[in-house]
N, C-alpha and C. Protein backbone atom coordinates (compact mmCIF):
# COMPACT_ATOMS: atom_id res chain seq x y z
N MET A 1 -161.26 -20.95 -13.89
CA MET A 1 -162.38 -19.89 -13.66
C MET A 1 -163.32 -20.66 -12.60
N THR A 2 -163.68 -19.77 -11.65
CA THR A 2 -164.69 -20.13 -10.66
C THR A 2 -165.97 -20.15 -11.05
N THR A 3 -166.81 -21.21 -10.93
CA THR A 3 -168.21 -21.32 -11.36
C THR A 3 -169.05 -20.37 -10.60
N LEU A 4 -170.11 -19.89 -11.17
CA LEU A 4 -171.12 -18.95 -10.31
C LEU A 4 -171.61 -19.71 -9.09
N ARG A 5 -171.75 -20.92 -9.34
CA ARG A 5 -172.33 -21.69 -8.04
C ARG A 5 -171.28 -21.60 -6.97
N THR A 6 -170.03 -21.77 -7.21
CA THR A 6 -169.05 -21.78 -6.31
C THR A 6 -168.90 -20.37 -5.67
N ARG A 7 -169.01 -19.42 -6.45
CA ARG A 7 -169.01 -18.10 -6.06
C ARG A 7 -170.20 -17.68 -5.04
N ALA A 8 -171.30 -18.26 -5.44
CA ALA A 8 -172.46 -18.09 -4.56
C ALA A 8 -172.31 -18.66 -3.28
N ALA A 9 -171.71 -20.05 -3.34
CA ALA A 9 -171.47 -20.50 -2.04
C ALA A 9 -170.51 -19.81 -1.11
N ARG A 10 -169.40 -19.30 -1.80
CA ARG A 10 -168.41 -18.60 -0.95
C ARG A 10 -169.07 -17.23 -0.40
N LEU A 11 -169.96 -16.76 -1.28
CA LEU A 11 -170.50 -15.50 -0.78
C LEU A 11 -171.53 -15.76 0.45
N LEU A 12 -172.20 -16.89 0.45
CA LEU A 12 -173.10 -17.23 1.57
C LEU A 12 -172.33 -17.59 2.80
N VAL A 13 -171.24 -18.11 2.54
CA VAL A 13 -170.39 -18.52 3.74
C VAL A 13 -169.84 -17.15 4.43
N ALA A 14 -169.38 -16.25 3.51
CA ALA A 14 -168.96 -14.96 3.93
C ALA A 14 -170.07 -14.23 4.62
N VAL A 15 -171.22 -14.22 4.16
CA VAL A 15 -172.51 -13.60 5.02
C VAL A 15 -172.59 -14.21 6.32
N ASP A 16 -172.55 -15.59 6.36
CA ASP A 16 -172.75 -16.33 7.58
C ASP A 16 -171.65 -15.96 8.58
N ARG A 17 -170.46 -16.00 8.31
CA ARG A 17 -169.13 -15.92 9.14
C ARG A 17 -168.95 -14.46 9.54
N ARG A 18 -169.14 -13.64 8.62
CA ARG A 18 -168.87 -12.03 8.97
C ARG A 18 -170.19 -11.37 9.59
N ARG A 19 -171.20 -12.13 9.56
CA ARG A 19 -172.34 -11.48 10.03
C ARG A 19 -172.79 -10.18 9.36
N ARG A 20 -172.51 -10.08 8.08
CA ARG A 20 -172.96 -9.06 7.12
C ARG A 20 -174.18 -9.35 6.33
N THR A 21 -174.76 -8.38 5.84
CA THR A 21 -175.95 -8.72 5.05
C THR A 21 -175.63 -9.14 3.67
N LEU A 22 -176.51 -9.89 3.14
CA LEU A 22 -176.41 -10.37 1.79
C LEU A 22 -176.03 -9.25 0.80
N ALA A 23 -176.77 -8.05 0.86
CA ALA A 23 -176.49 -7.01 0.01
C ALA A 23 -175.12 -6.46 0.04
N ALA A 24 -174.55 -6.39 1.25
CA ALA A 24 -173.19 -6.06 1.49
C ALA A 24 -172.12 -6.89 0.78
N GLU A 25 -172.45 -8.21 0.81
CA GLU A 25 -171.46 -9.18 0.15
C GLU A 25 -171.80 -9.32 -1.33
N LEU A 26 -173.01 -9.17 -1.65
CA LEU A 26 -173.24 -9.38 -3.07
C LEU A 26 -172.83 -8.41 -3.98
N GLU A 27 -172.92 -7.12 -3.69
CA GLU A 27 -172.73 -6.05 -4.54
C GLU A 27 -171.22 -6.06 -5.06
N PRO A 28 -170.27 -6.22 -4.17
CA PRO A 28 -168.83 -6.36 -4.76
C PRO A 28 -168.64 -7.50 -5.64
N ALA A 29 -169.21 -8.65 -5.29
CA ALA A 29 -169.16 -9.87 -6.07
C ALA A 29 -169.87 -9.73 -7.48
N ARG A 30 -170.86 -9.03 -7.51
CA ARG A 30 -171.61 -8.71 -8.82
C ARG A 30 -170.66 -7.80 -9.68
N ARG A 31 -169.99 -6.93 -9.12
CA ARG A 31 -169.16 -5.92 -9.82
C ARG A 31 -168.06 -6.78 -10.61
N GLU A 32 -167.58 -7.88 -10.22
CA GLU A 32 -166.55 -8.72 -10.77
C GLU A 32 -167.05 -9.35 -12.07
N LEU A 33 -168.40 -9.41 -12.27
CA LEU A 33 -169.00 -10.20 -13.42
C LEU A 33 -169.38 -9.31 -14.44
N PRO A 34 -168.79 -9.53 -15.61
CA PRO A 34 -169.17 -8.50 -16.78
C PRO A 34 -170.38 -8.78 -17.41
N ASP A 35 -170.93 -10.04 -17.32
CA ASP A 35 -172.14 -10.42 -18.14
C ASP A 35 -173.29 -10.23 -17.08
N PRO A 36 -174.30 -9.39 -17.55
CA PRO A 36 -175.45 -9.29 -16.68
C PRO A 36 -176.15 -10.51 -16.34
N ARG A 37 -176.19 -11.64 -17.13
CA ARG A 37 -176.84 -12.81 -16.97
C ARG A 37 -176.12 -13.45 -15.75
N ASP A 38 -174.88 -13.40 -15.66
CA ASP A 38 -174.15 -13.91 -14.66
C ASP A 38 -174.46 -13.22 -13.35
N ARG A 39 -174.59 -11.84 -13.28
CA ARG A 39 -174.78 -11.21 -12.20
C ARG A 39 -176.27 -11.55 -11.74
N ALA A 40 -177.19 -11.72 -12.49
CA ALA A 40 -178.48 -12.12 -12.24
C ALA A 40 -178.59 -13.47 -11.60
N LEU A 41 -177.87 -14.42 -12.17
CA LEU A 41 -177.79 -15.75 -11.59
C LEU A 41 -177.10 -15.81 -10.33
N LEU A 42 -176.06 -15.17 -10.08
CA LEU A 42 -175.39 -15.04 -8.77
C LEU A 42 -176.38 -14.47 -7.77
N THR A 43 -177.08 -13.51 -8.10
CA THR A 43 -178.21 -12.98 -7.19
C THR A 43 -179.13 -13.98 -6.83
N GLU A 44 -179.70 -14.49 -7.88
CA GLU A 44 -180.81 -15.52 -7.63
C GLU A 44 -180.24 -16.74 -6.82
N LEU A 45 -179.16 -17.20 -7.04
CA LEU A 45 -178.70 -18.36 -6.28
C LEU A 45 -178.38 -17.87 -4.85
N ALA A 46 -177.80 -16.89 -4.56
CA ALA A 46 -177.63 -16.47 -3.19
C ALA A 46 -178.85 -16.08 -2.47
N ALA A 47 -179.70 -15.25 -3.07
CA ALA A 47 -181.08 -14.89 -2.45
C ALA A 47 -181.88 -16.07 -2.29
N GLY A 48 -181.85 -16.97 -3.24
CA GLY A 48 -182.74 -18.08 -3.12
C GLY A 48 -182.41 -18.94 -1.90
N VAL A 49 -180.96 -19.16 -1.63
CA VAL A 49 -180.67 -19.98 -0.56
C VAL A 49 -180.98 -19.23 0.71
N CYS A 50 -180.84 -17.90 0.84
CA CYS A 50 -181.20 -17.17 1.92
C CYS A 50 -182.76 -17.32 2.21
N ARG A 51 -183.50 -17.25 1.11
CA ARG A 51 -185.02 -17.27 1.18
C ARG A 51 -185.48 -18.68 1.82
N TRP A 52 -184.73 -19.67 1.41
CA TRP A 52 -185.17 -21.05 1.66
C TRP A 52 -184.32 -21.67 2.75
N ARG A 53 -183.48 -20.85 3.50
CA ARG A 53 -182.54 -21.42 4.45
C ARG A 53 -183.22 -22.27 5.48
N ALA A 54 -184.28 -21.75 6.15
CA ALA A 54 -184.99 -22.54 7.17
C ALA A 54 -185.49 -23.87 6.64
N GLU A 55 -185.97 -24.00 5.44
CA GLU A 55 -186.51 -25.18 4.89
C GLU A 55 -185.21 -26.05 4.56
N LEU A 56 -184.21 -25.49 4.03
CA LEU A 56 -182.94 -26.27 3.72
C LEU A 56 -182.35 -26.90 5.11
N ASP A 57 -182.30 -26.13 6.12
CA ASP A 57 -181.75 -26.54 7.31
C ASP A 57 -182.61 -27.68 7.93
N ALA A 58 -183.91 -27.50 7.92
CA ALA A 58 -184.79 -28.64 8.29
C ALA A 58 -184.53 -29.84 7.58
N LEU A 59 -184.37 -29.84 6.24
CA LEU A 59 -184.04 -31.02 5.51
C LEU A 59 -182.64 -31.56 5.86
N LEU A 60 -181.79 -30.82 6.03
CA LEU A 60 -180.38 -31.27 6.42
C LEU A 60 -180.33 -31.88 7.80
N THR A 61 -181.28 -31.31 8.70
CA THR A 61 -181.32 -31.90 10.01
C THR A 61 -181.76 -33.35 10.03
N GLN A 62 -182.66 -33.69 9.07
CA GLN A 62 -183.23 -34.95 8.89
C GLN A 62 -182.16 -36.04 8.50
N VAL A 63 -181.10 -35.48 7.73
CA VAL A 63 -180.15 -36.44 7.13
C VAL A 63 -178.72 -36.46 7.72
N CYS A 64 -178.53 -35.38 8.56
CA CYS A 64 -177.15 -35.24 9.18
C CYS A 64 -177.20 -36.09 10.43
N THR A 65 -176.04 -36.62 10.67
CA THR A 65 -175.93 -37.38 11.91
C THR A 65 -175.43 -36.59 13.15
N ARG A 66 -175.06 -35.43 13.00
CA ARG A 66 -174.63 -34.47 13.96
C ARG A 66 -175.49 -33.15 13.78
N PRO A 67 -175.39 -32.31 14.79
CA PRO A 67 -176.17 -31.04 14.72
C PRO A 67 -175.59 -30.24 13.65
N LEU A 68 -176.39 -29.35 13.09
CA LEU A 68 -175.95 -28.46 11.97
C LEU A 68 -174.83 -27.52 12.48
N THR A 69 -174.96 -27.17 13.69
CA THR A 69 -173.90 -26.20 14.23
C THR A 69 -172.52 -26.92 14.24
N ALA A 70 -172.39 -28.24 14.15
CA ALA A 70 -171.18 -28.86 14.17
C ALA A 70 -170.71 -29.23 12.78
N VAL A 71 -171.40 -28.94 11.72
CA VAL A 71 -171.06 -29.21 10.30
C VAL A 71 -170.55 -27.90 9.81
N ASP A 72 -169.35 -28.07 9.08
CA ASP A 72 -168.53 -26.98 8.51
C ASP A 72 -169.32 -26.53 7.32
N ALA A 73 -169.45 -25.10 7.31
CA ALA A 73 -170.26 -24.44 6.25
C ALA A 73 -169.88 -24.94 4.85
N GLU A 74 -168.55 -25.03 4.49
CA GLU A 74 -168.12 -25.50 3.30
C GLU A 74 -168.51 -26.80 2.99
């Protein structure tokens, strides 16, 4: 079984690669989860990363030896 964190990561990569909105990717993913707590956690994980992306990218830039554009999303 795929963990919710893995699902959230895959969802975020799909948003980034397909240039679709978080809502467009999130809704089908949420429908696959029967437990409302899992749906809420998936939403919070994905939305939180989107909310904090600039800060996360800034932190990654400090520790990466190459530009973020050269780092594979996975």
